[in-house]
mmCIF file of all heavy atoms, coordinates in Angstrom:
data_MODEL
# 
_entry.id   MODEL 
# 
loop_
_atom_site.group_PDB 
_atom_site.id 
_atom_site.type_symbol 
_atom_site.label_atom_id 
_atom_site.label_alt_id 
_atom_site.label_comp_id 
_atom_site.label_asym_id 
_atom_site.label_entity_id 
_atom_site.label_seq_id 
_atom_site.pdbx_PDB_ins_code 
_atom_site.Cartn_x 
_atom_site.Cartn_y 
_atom_site.Cartn_z 
_atom_site.occupancy 
_atom_site.B_iso_or_equiv 
_atom_site.pdbx_formal_charge 
_atom_site.auth_seq_id 
_atom_site.auth_comp_id 
_atom_site.auth_asym_id 
_atom_site.auth_atom_id 
_atom_site.pdbx_PDB_model_num 
ATOM 1   N N   . ASN A 1 1  ? 0.860  -1.182 -0.006  1.00 0.00 ? 1  ASN A N   1 
ATOM 2   C CA  . ASN A 1 1  ? -0.012 -0.013 -0.011  1.00 0.00 ? 1  ASN A CA  1 
ATOM 3   C C   . ASN A 1 1  ? 0.879  1.239  -0.021  1.00 0.00 ? 1  ASN A C   1 
ATOM 4   O O   . ASN A 1 1  ? 0.759  2.104  0.890   1.00 0.00 ? 1  ASN A O   1 
ATOM 5   C CB  . ASN A 1 1  ? -0.875 -0.063 1.258   1.00 0.00 ? 1  ASN A CB  1 
ATOM 6   C CG  . ASN A 1 1  ? -1.965 1.014  1.214   1.00 0.00 ? 1  ASN A CG  1 
ATOM 7   O OD1 . ASN A 1 1  ? -2.197 1.618  0.268   1.00 0.00 ? 1  ASN A OD1 1 
ATOM 8   N ND2 . ASN A 1 1  ? -2.689 1.122  2.295   1.00 0.00 ? 1  ASN A ND2 1 
ATOM 9   N N   . SER A 1 2  ? 1.807  1.304  -1.029  1.00 0.00 ? 2  SER A N   1 
ATOM 10  C CA  . SER A 1 2  ? 2.746  2.471  -0.978  1.00 0.00 ? 2  SER A CA  1 
ATOM 11  C C   . SER A 1 2  ? 2.637  3.287  -2.218  1.00 0.00 ? 2  SER A C   1 
ATOM 12  O O   . SER A 1 2  ? 2.235  2.857  -3.340  1.00 0.00 ? 2  SER A O   1 
ATOM 13  C CB  . SER A 1 2  ? 4.148  1.878  -0.918  1.00 0.00 ? 2  SER A CB  1 
ATOM 14  O OG  . SER A 1 2  ? 4.471  1.177  -2.051  1.00 0.00 ? 2  SER A OG  1 
ATOM 15  N N   . GLU A 1 3  ? 2.912  4.587  -2.095  1.00 0.00 ? 3  GLU A N   1 
ATOM 16  C CA  . GLU A 1 3  ? 2.984  5.495  -3.268  1.00 0.00 ? 3  GLU A CA  1 
ATOM 17  C C   . GLU A 1 3  ? 4.304  6.211  -3.247  1.00 0.00 ? 3  GLU A C   1 
ATOM 18  O O   . GLU A 1 3  ? 4.873  6.536  -2.177  1.00 0.00 ? 3  GLU A O   1 
ATOM 19  C CB  . GLU A 1 3  ? 1.788  6.462  -3.267  1.00 0.00 ? 3  GLU A CB  1 
ATOM 20  C CG  . GLU A 1 3  ? 1.510  7.192  -1.999  1.00 0.00 ? 3  GLU A CG  1 
ATOM 21  C CD  . GLU A 1 3  ? 0.187  7.940  -1.981  1.00 0.00 ? 3  GLU A CD  1 
ATOM 22  O OE1 . GLU A 1 3  ? -0.780 7.365  -1.577  1.00 0.00 ? 3  GLU A OE1 1 
ATOM 23  O OE2 . GLU A 1 3  ? 0.211  9.162  -2.330  1.00 0.00 ? 3  GLU A OE2 1 
ATOM 24  N N   . LEU A 1 4  ? 4.810  6.505  -4.470  1.00 0.00 ? 4  LEU A N   1 
ATOM 25  C CA  . LEU A 1 4  ? 6.223  7.049  -4.605  1.00 0.00 ? 4  LEU A CA  1 
ATOM 26  C C   . LEU A 1 4  ? 6.235  8.341  -5.284  1.00 0.00 ? 4  LEU A C   1 
ATOM 27  O O   . LEU A 1 4  ? 5.583  8.428  -6.327  1.00 0.00 ? 4  LEU A O   1 
ATOM 28  C CB  . LEU A 1 4  ? 7.056  5.932  -5.336  1.00 0.00 ? 4  LEU A CB  1 
ATOM 29  C CG  . LEU A 1 4  ? 8.429  6.360  -5.850  1.00 0.00 ? 4  LEU A CG  1 
ATOM 30  C CD1 . LEU A 1 4  ? 9.348  6.817  -4.708  1.00 0.00 ? 4  LEU A CD1 1 
ATOM 31  C CD2 . LEU A 1 4  ? 9.091  5.160  -6.605  1.00 0.00 ? 4  LEU A CD2 1 
ATOM 32  N N   . TYR A 1 5  ? 6.978  9.300  -4.822  1.00 0.00 ? 5  TYR A N   1 
ATOM 33  C CA  . TYR A 1 5  ? 7.171  10.591 -5.418  1.00 0.00 ? 5  TYR A CA  1 
ATOM 34  C C   . TYR A 1 5  ? 8.674  10.810 -5.504  1.00 0.00 ? 5  TYR A C   1 
ATOM 35  O O   . TYR A 1 5  ? 9.379  10.758 -4.520  1.00 0.00 ? 5  TYR A O   1 
ATOM 36  C CB  . TYR A 1 5  ? 6.541  11.745 -4.616  1.00 0.00 ? 5  TYR A CB  1 
ATOM 37  C CG  . TYR A 1 5  ? 5.012  11.578 -4.583  1.00 0.00 ? 5  TYR A CG  1 
ATOM 38  C CD1 . TYR A 1 5  ? 4.357  10.796 -3.649  1.00 0.00 ? 5  TYR A CD1 1 
ATOM 39  C CD2 . TYR A 1 5  ? 4.275  12.269 -5.573  1.00 0.00 ? 5  TYR A CD2 1 
ATOM 40  C CE1 . TYR A 1 5  ? 2.989  10.675 -3.631  1.00 0.00 ? 5  TYR A CE1 1 
ATOM 41  C CE2 . TYR A 1 5  ? 2.824  12.155 -5.495  1.00 0.00 ? 5  TYR A CE2 1 
ATOM 42  C CZ  . TYR A 1 5  ? 2.215  11.351 -4.562  1.00 0.00 ? 5  TYR A CZ  1 
ATOM 43  O OH  . TYR A 1 5  ? 0.883  11.167 -4.574  1.00 0.00 ? 5  TYR A OH  1 
ATOM 44  N N   . PHE A 1 6  ? 9.100  11.242 -6.669  1.00 0.00 ? 6  PHE A N   1 
ATOM 45  C CA  . PHE A 1 6  ? 10.516 11.654 -6.880  1.00 0.00 ? 6  PHE A CA  1 
ATOM 46  C C   . PHE A 1 6  ? 10.545 13.237 -6.953  1.00 0.00 ? 6  PHE A C   1 
ATOM 47  O O   . PHE A 1 6  ? 9.686  13.822 -7.486  1.00 0.00 ? 6  PHE A O   1 
ATOM 48  C CB  . PHE A 1 6  ? 11.119 11.141 -8.140  1.00 0.00 ? 6  PHE A CB  1 
ATOM 49  C CG  . PHE A 1 6  ? 11.475 9.707  -8.007  1.00 0.00 ? 6  PHE A CG  1 
ATOM 50  C CD1 . PHE A 1 6  ? 10.823 8.698  -8.811  1.00 0.00 ? 6  PHE A CD1 1 
ATOM 51  C CD2 . PHE A 1 6  ? 12.590 9.303  -7.277  1.00 0.00 ? 6  PHE A CD2 1 
ATOM 52  C CE1 . PHE A 1 6  ? 11.206 7.391  -8.738  1.00 0.00 ? 6  PHE A CE1 1 
ATOM 53  C CE2 . PHE A 1 6  ? 12.874 7.953  -7.107  1.00 0.00 ? 6  PHE A CE2 1 
ATOM 54  C CZ  . PHE A 1 6  ? 12.190 6.970  -7.893  1.00 0.00 ? 6  PHE A CZ  1 
ATOM 55  N N   . ILE A 1 7  ? 11.639 13.804 -6.380  1.00 0.00 ? 7  ILE A N   1 
ATOM 56  C CA  . ILE A 1 7  ? 11.856 15.214 -6.481  1.00 0.00 ? 7  ILE A CA  1 
ATOM 57  C C   . ILE A 1 7  ? 13.178 15.441 -7.172  1.00 0.00 ? 7  ILE A C   1 
ATOM 58  O O   . ILE A 1 7  ? 14.195 14.883 -6.825  1.00 0.00 ? 7  ILE A O   1 
ATOM 59  C CB  . ILE A 1 7  ? 11.927 15.875 -5.013  1.00 0.00 ? 7  ILE A CB  1 
ATOM 60  C CG1 . ILE A 1 7  ? 10.646 15.651 -4.290  1.00 0.00 ? 7  ILE A CG1 1 
ATOM 61  C CG2 . ILE A 1 7  ? 12.202 17.444 -5.206  1.00 0.00 ? 7  ILE A CG2 1 
ATOM 62  C CD1 . ILE A 1 7  ? 10.450 16.227 -2.869  1.00 0.00 ? 7  ILE A CD1 1 
ATOM 63  N N   . ASP A 1 8  ? 13.106 16.309 -8.211  1.00 0.00 ? 8  ASP A N   1 
ATOM 64  C CA  . ASP A 1 8  ? 14.291 16.568 -9.098  1.00 0.00 ? 8  ASP A CA  1 
ATOM 65  C C   . ASP A 1 8  ? 15.317 17.466 -8.296  1.00 0.00 ? 8  ASP A C   1 
ATOM 66  O O   . ASP A 1 8  ? 14.879 18.211 -7.491  1.00 0.00 ? 8  ASP A O   1 
ATOM 67  C CB  . ASP A 1 8  ? 13.846 17.255 -10.354 1.00 0.00 ? 8  ASP A CB  1 
ATOM 68  C CG  . ASP A 1 8  ? 13.596 16.161 -11.424 1.00 0.00 ? 8  ASP A CG  1 
ATOM 69  O OD1 . ASP A 1 8  ? 14.098 15.042 -11.330 1.00 0.00 ? 8  ASP A OD1 1 
ATOM 70  O OD2 . ASP A 1 8  ? 12.805 16.476 -12.334 1.00 0.00 ? 8  ASP A OD2 1 
ATOM 71  N N   . LYS A 1 9  ? 16.586 17.335 -8.787  1.00 0.00 ? 9  LYS A N   1 
ATOM 72  C CA  . LYS A 1 9  ? 17.673 18.235 -8.219  1.00 0.00 ? 9  LYS A CA  1 
ATOM 73  C C   . LYS A 1 9  ? 17.620 18.105 -6.707  1.00 0.00 ? 9  LYS A C   1 
ATOM 74  O O   . LYS A 1 9  ? 17.626 19.096 -5.912  1.00 0.00 ? 9  LYS A O   1 
ATOM 75  C CB  . LYS A 1 9  ? 17.471 19.637 -8.682  1.00 0.00 ? 9  LYS A CB  1 
ATOM 76  C CG  . LYS A 1 9  ? 17.580 19.775 -10.173 1.00 0.00 ? 9  LYS A CG  1 
ATOM 77  C CD  . LYS A 1 9  ? 17.584 21.233 -10.608 1.00 0.00 ? 9  LYS A CD  1 
ATOM 78  C CE  . LYS A 1 9  ? 17.780 21.345 -12.121 1.00 0.00 ? 9  LYS A CE  1 
ATOM 79  N NZ  . LYS A 1 9  ? 17.552 22.687 -12.600 1.00 0.00 ? 9  LYS A NZ  1 
ATOM 80  N N   . CYS A 1 10 ? 17.591 16.903 -6.190  1.00 0.00 ? 10 CYS A N   1 
ATOM 81  C CA  . CYS A 1 10 ? 17.530 16.632 -4.808  1.00 0.00 ? 10 CYS A CA  1 
ATOM 82  C C   . CYS A 1 10 ? 18.232 15.325 -4.420  1.00 0.00 ? 10 CYS A C   1 
ATOM 83  O O   . CYS A 1 10 ? 18.153 14.340 -5.118  1.00 0.00 ? 10 CYS A O   1 
ATOM 84  C CB  . CYS A 1 10 ? 15.996 16.508 -4.473  1.00 0.00 ? 10 CYS A CB  1 
ATOM 85  S SG  . CYS A 1 10 ? 15.723 16.052 -2.763  1.00 0.00 ? 10 CYS A SG  1 
ATOM 86  N N   . GLY A 1 11 ? 19.016 15.361 -3.260  1.00 0.00 ? 11 GLY A N   1 
ATOM 87  C CA  . GLY A 1 11 ? 19.776 14.255 -2.918  1.00 0.00 ? 11 GLY A CA  1 
ATOM 88  C C   . GLY A 1 11 ? 19.082 13.368 -1.864  1.00 0.00 ? 11 GLY A C   1 
ATOM 89  O O   . GLY A 1 11 ? 17.932 13.051 -1.911  1.00 0.00 ? 11 GLY A O   1 
ATOM 90  N N   . HIS A 1 12 ? 19.819 13.020 -0.850  1.00 0.00 ? 12 HIS A N   1 
ATOM 91  C CA  . HIS A 1 12 ? 19.475 11.958 0.173   1.00 0.00 ? 12 HIS A CA  1 
ATOM 92  C C   . HIS A 1 12 ? 18.622 12.519 1.366   1.00 0.00 ? 12 HIS A C   1 
ATOM 93  O O   . HIS A 1 12 ? 18.025 11.716 2.057   1.00 0.00 ? 12 HIS A O   1 
ATOM 94  C CB  . HIS A 1 12 ? 20.789 11.425 0.756   1.00 0.00 ? 12 HIS A CB  1 
ATOM 95  C CG  . HIS A 1 12 ? 20.604 10.182 1.630   1.00 0.00 ? 12 HIS A CG  1 
ATOM 96  N ND1 . HIS A 1 12 ? 19.888 9.067  1.233   1.00 0.00 ? 12 HIS A ND1 1 
ATOM 97  C CD2 . HIS A 1 12 ? 21.030 10.029 2.965   1.00 0.00 ? 12 HIS A CD2 1 
ATOM 98  C CE1 . HIS A 1 12 ? 19.951 8.176  2.200   1.00 0.00 ? 12 HIS A CE1 1 
ATOM 99  N NE2 . HIS A 1 12 ? 20.587 8.638  3.287   1.00 0.00 ? 12 HIS A NE2 1 
ATOM 100 N N   . ALA A 1 13 ? 18.440 13.830 1.405   1.00 0.00 ? 13 ALA A N   1 
ATOM 101 C CA  . ALA A 1 13 ? 17.647 14.371 2.547   1.00 0.00 ? 13 ALA A CA  1 
ATOM 102 C C   . ALA A 1 13 ? 16.690 15.445 2.000   1.00 0.00 ? 13 ALA A C   1 
ATOM 103 O O   . ALA A 1 13 ? 16.834 16.673 2.233   1.00 0.00 ? 13 ALA A O   1 
ATOM 104 C CB  . ALA A 1 13 ? 18.628 15.036 3.517   1.00 0.00 ? 13 ALA A CB  1 
ATOM 105 N N   . PRO A 1 14 ? 15.606 14.979 1.300   1.00 0.00 ? 14 PRO A N   1 
ATOM 106 C CA  . PRO A 1 14 ? 14.677 15.854 0.718   1.00 0.00 ? 14 PRO A CA  1 
ATOM 107 C C   . PRO A 1 14 ? 14.053 16.879 1.652   1.00 0.00 ? 14 PRO A C   1 
ATOM 108 O O   . PRO A 1 14 ? 13.813 18.036 1.257   1.00 0.00 ? 14 PRO A O   1 
ATOM 109 C CB  . PRO A 1 14 ? 13.579 15.028 0.066   1.00 0.00 ? 14 PRO A CB  1 
ATOM 110 C CG  . PRO A 1 14 ? 14.284 13.688 -0.205  1.00 0.00 ? 14 PRO A CG  1 
ATOM 111 C CD  . PRO A 1 14 ? 15.243 13.598 0.945   1.00 0.00 ? 14 PRO A CD  1 
ATOM 112 N N   . MET A 1 15 ? 13.814 16.446 2.881   1.00 0.00 ? 15 MET A N   1 
ATOM 113 C CA  . MET A 1 15 ? 13.188 17.418 3.811   1.00 0.00 ? 15 MET A CA  1 
ATOM 114 C C   . MET A 1 15 ? 14.099 18.561 4.177   1.00 0.00 ? 15 MET A C   1 
ATOM 115 O O   . MET A 1 15 ? 13.623 19.573 4.668   1.00 0.00 ? 15 MET A O   1 
ATOM 116 C CB  . MET A 1 15 ? 12.679 16.666 5.068   1.00 0.00 ? 15 MET A CB  1 
ATOM 117 C CG  . MET A 1 15 ? 13.700 16.114 6.012   1.00 0.00 ? 15 MET A CG  1 
ATOM 118 S SD  . MET A 1 15 ? 14.732 14.788 5.426   1.00 0.00 ? 15 MET A SD  1 
ATOM 119 C CE  . MET A 1 15 ? 16.006 14.792 6.668   1.00 0.00 ? 15 MET A CE  1 
ATOM 120 N N   . MET A 1 16 ? 15.359 18.460 4.002   1.00 0.00 ? 16 MET A N   1 
ATOM 121 C CA  . MET A 1 16 ? 16.323 19.544 4.204   1.00 0.00 ? 16 MET A CA  1 
ATOM 122 C C   . MET A 1 16 ? 16.523 20.366 2.952   1.00 0.00 ? 16 MET A C   1 
ATOM 123 O O   . MET A 1 16 ? 16.621 21.562 2.970   1.00 0.00 ? 16 MET A O   1 
ATOM 124 C CB  . MET A 1 16 ? 17.668 18.998 4.655   1.00 0.00 ? 16 MET A CB  1 
ATOM 125 C CG  . MET A 1 16 ? 17.756 18.440 6.034   1.00 0.00 ? 16 MET A CG  1 
ATOM 126 S SD  . MET A 1 16 ? 19.463 17.801 6.295   1.00 0.00 ? 16 MET A SD  1 
ATOM 127 C CE  . MET A 1 16 ? 20.463 19.241 6.619   1.00 0.00 ? 16 MET A CE  1 
ATOM 128 N N   . GLU A 1 17 ? 16.715 19.617 1.803   1.00 0.00 ? 17 GLU A N   1 
ATOM 129 C CA  . GLU A 1 17 ? 17.114 20.306 0.586   1.00 0.00 ? 17 GLU A CA  1 
ATOM 130 C C   . GLU A 1 17 ? 15.983 21.016 -0.164  1.00 0.00 ? 17 GLU A C   1 
ATOM 131 O O   . GLU A 1 17 ? 16.191 22.054 -0.757  1.00 0.00 ? 17 GLU A O   1 
ATOM 132 C CB  . GLU A 1 17 ? 17.787 19.167 -0.329  1.00 0.00 ? 17 GLU A CB  1 
ATOM 133 C CG  . GLU A 1 17 ? 18.676 19.854 -1.441  1.00 0.00 ? 17 GLU A CG  1 
ATOM 134 C CD  . GLU A 1 17 ? 19.654 18.874 -2.030  1.00 0.00 ? 17 GLU A CD  1 
ATOM 135 O OE1 . GLU A 1 17 ? 19.687 17.702 -1.748  1.00 0.00 ? 17 GLU A OE1 1 
ATOM 136 O OE2 . GLU A 1 17 ? 20.563 19.404 -2.770  1.00 0.00 ? 17 GLU A OE2 1 
ATOM 137 N N   . VAL A 1 18 ? 14.817 20.310 -0.216  1.00 0.00 ? 18 VAL A N   1 
ATOM 138 C CA  . VAL A 1 18 ? 13.679 20.960 -0.911  1.00 0.00 ? 18 VAL A CA  1 
ATOM 139 C C   . VAL A 1 18 ? 12.521 20.903 0.050   1.00 0.00 ? 18 VAL A C   1 
ATOM 140 O O   . VAL A 1 18 ? 11.467 20.270 -0.286  1.00 0.00 ? 18 VAL A O   1 
ATOM 141 C CB  . VAL A 1 18 ? 13.397 20.215 -2.196  1.00 0.00 ? 18 VAL A CB  1 
ATOM 142 C CG1 . VAL A 1 18 ? 14.385 20.645 -3.381  1.00 0.00 ? 18 VAL A CG1 1 
ATOM 143 C CG2 . VAL A 1 18 ? 13.441 18.727 -2.033  1.00 0.00 ? 18 VAL A CG2 1 
ATOM 144 N N   . PRO A 1 19 ? 12.547 21.622 1.169   1.00 0.00 ? 19 PRO A N   1 
ATOM 145 C CA  . PRO A 1 19 ? 11.488 21.369 2.203   1.00 0.00 ? 19 PRO A CA  1 
ATOM 146 C C   . PRO A 1 19 ? 10.059 21.828 1.694   1.00 0.00 ? 19 PRO A C   1 
ATOM 147 O O   . PRO A 1 19 ? 9.088  21.137 2.023   1.00 0.00 ? 19 PRO A O   1 
ATOM 148 C CB  . PRO A 1 19 ? 11.893 22.289 3.364   1.00 0.00 ? 19 PRO A CB  1 
ATOM 149 C CG  . PRO A 1 19 ? 12.953 23.220 2.799   1.00 0.00 ? 19 PRO A CG  1 
ATOM 150 C CD  . PRO A 1 19 ? 13.560 22.461 1.646   1.00 0.00 ? 19 PRO A CD  1 
ATOM 151 N N   . ASP A 1 20 ? 9.939  22.786 0.792   1.00 0.00 ? 20 ASP A N   1 
ATOM 152 C CA  . ASP A 1 20 ? 8.598  23.221 0.395   1.00 0.00 ? 20 ASP A CA  1 
ATOM 153 C C   . ASP A 1 20 ? 7.942  22.120 -0.409  1.00 0.00 ? 20 ASP A C   1 
ATOM 154 O O   . ASP A 1 20 ? 6.749  21.797 -0.149  1.00 0.00 ? 20 ASP A O   1 
ATOM 155 C CB  . ASP A 1 20 ? 8.697  24.527 -0.411  1.00 0.00 ? 20 ASP A CB  1 
ATOM 156 C CG  . ASP A 1 20 ? 9.243  25.724 0.396   1.00 0.00 ? 20 ASP A CG  1 
ATOM 157 O OD1 . ASP A 1 20 ? 9.251  25.572 1.666   1.00 0.00 ? 20 ASP A OD1 1 
ATOM 158 O OD2 . ASP A 1 20 ? 9.573  26.764 -0.134  1.00 0.00 ? 20 ASP A OD2 1 
ATOM 159 N N   . GLU A 1 21 ? 8.676  21.610 -1.393  1.00 0.00 ? 21 GLU A N   1 
ATOM 160 C CA  . GLU A 1 21 ? 8.073  20.497 -2.165  1.00 0.00 ? 21 GLU A CA  1 
ATOM 161 C C   . GLU A 1 21 ? 7.721  19.325 -1.363  1.00 0.00 ? 21 GLU A C   1 
ATOM 162 O O   . GLU A 1 21 ? 6.731  18.645 -1.491  1.00 0.00 ? 21 GLU A O   1 
ATOM 163 C CB  . GLU A 1 21 ? 9.070  20.064 -3.262  1.00 0.00 ? 21 GLU A CB  1 
ATOM 164 C CG  . GLU A 1 21 ? 8.772  20.670 -4.614  1.00 0.00 ? 21 GLU A CG  1 
ATOM 165 C CD  . GLU A 1 21 ? 9.743  20.214 -5.681  1.00 0.00 ? 21 GLU A CD  1 
ATOM 166 O OE1 . GLU A 1 21 ? 10.820 20.832 -5.756  1.00 0.00 ? 21 GLU A OE1 1 
ATOM 167 O OE2 . GLU A 1 21 ? 9.400  19.153 -6.364  1.00 0.00 ? 21 GLU A OE2 1 
ATOM 168 N N   . PHE A 1 22 ? 8.735  18.953 -0.430  1.00 0.00 ? 22 PHE A N   1 
ATOM 169 C CA  . PHE A 1 22 ? 8.475  17.818 0.502   1.00 0.00 ? 22 PHE A CA  1 
ATOM 170 C C   . PHE A 1 22 ? 7.249  18.010 1.295   1.00 0.00 ? 22 PHE A C   1 
ATOM 171 O O   . PHE A 1 22 ? 6.467  17.089 1.401   1.00 0.00 ? 22 PHE A O   1 
ATOM 172 C CB  . PHE A 1 22 ? 9.732  17.701 1.433   1.00 0.00 ? 22 PHE A CB  1 
ATOM 173 C CG  . PHE A 1 22 ? 9.755  16.477 2.265   1.00 0.00 ? 22 PHE A CG  1 
ATOM 174 C CD1 . PHE A 1 22 ? 10.426 15.349 1.890   1.00 0.00 ? 22 PHE A CD1 1 
ATOM 175 C CD2 . PHE A 1 22 ? 9.100  16.516 3.525   1.00 0.00 ? 22 PHE A CD2 1 
ATOM 176 C CE1 . PHE A 1 22 ? 10.404 14.242 2.644   1.00 0.00 ? 22 PHE A CE1 1 
ATOM 177 C CE2 . PHE A 1 22 ? 9.073  15.377 4.329   1.00 0.00 ? 22 PHE A CE2 1 
ATOM 178 C CZ  . PHE A 1 22 ? 9.736  14.234 3.905   1.00 0.00 ? 22 PHE A CZ  1 
ATOM 179 N N   . ASN A 1 23 ? 7.059  19.179 1.881   1.00 0.00 ? 23 ASN A N   1 
ATOM 180 C CA  . ASN A 1 23 ? 5.903  19.407 2.768   1.00 0.00 ? 23 ASN A CA  1 
ATOM 181 C C   . ASN A 1 23 ? 4.629  19.327 2.016   1.00 0.00 ? 23 ASN A C   1 
ATOM 182 O O   . ASN A 1 23 ? 3.642  18.803 2.577   1.00 0.00 ? 23 ASN A O   1 
ATOM 183 C CB  . ASN A 1 23 ? 6.030  20.784 3.457   1.00 0.00 ? 23 ASN A CB  1 
ATOM 184 C CG  . ASN A 1 23 ? 7.229  20.809 4.430   1.00 0.00 ? 23 ASN A CG  1 
ATOM 185 O OD1 . ASN A 1 23 ? 7.733  19.775 4.877   1.00 0.00 ? 23 ASN A OD1 1 
ATOM 186 N ND2 . ASN A 1 23 ? 7.641  22.003 4.909   1.00 0.00 ? 23 ASN A ND2 1 
ATOM 187 N N   . VAL A 1 24 ? 4.665  19.836 0.763   1.00 0.00 ? 24 VAL A N   1 
ATOM 188 C CA  . VAL A 1 24 ? 3.348  19.772 0.025   1.00 0.00 ? 24 VAL A CA  1 
ATOM 189 C C   . VAL A 1 24 ? 2.931  18.311 -0.297  1.00 0.00 ? 24 VAL A C   1 
ATOM 190 O O   . VAL A 1 24 ? 1.788  17.971 -0.076  1.00 0.00 ? 24 VAL A O   1 
ATOM 191 C CB  . VAL A 1 24 ? 3.515  20.559 -1.365  1.00 0.00 ? 24 VAL A CB  1 
ATOM 192 C CG1 . VAL A 1 24 ? 2.481  20.214 -2.362  1.00 0.00 ? 24 VAL A CG1 1 
ATOM 193 C CG2 . VAL A 1 24 ? 3.614  22.002 -1.109  1.00 0.00 ? 24 VAL A CG2 1 
# 
């Protein structure tokens, strides 16, 4: 029961590197 999202131009810590996209 999983869903997957990729974020571009982003490494191993998305919540640090692209917090706005991650939070949305």
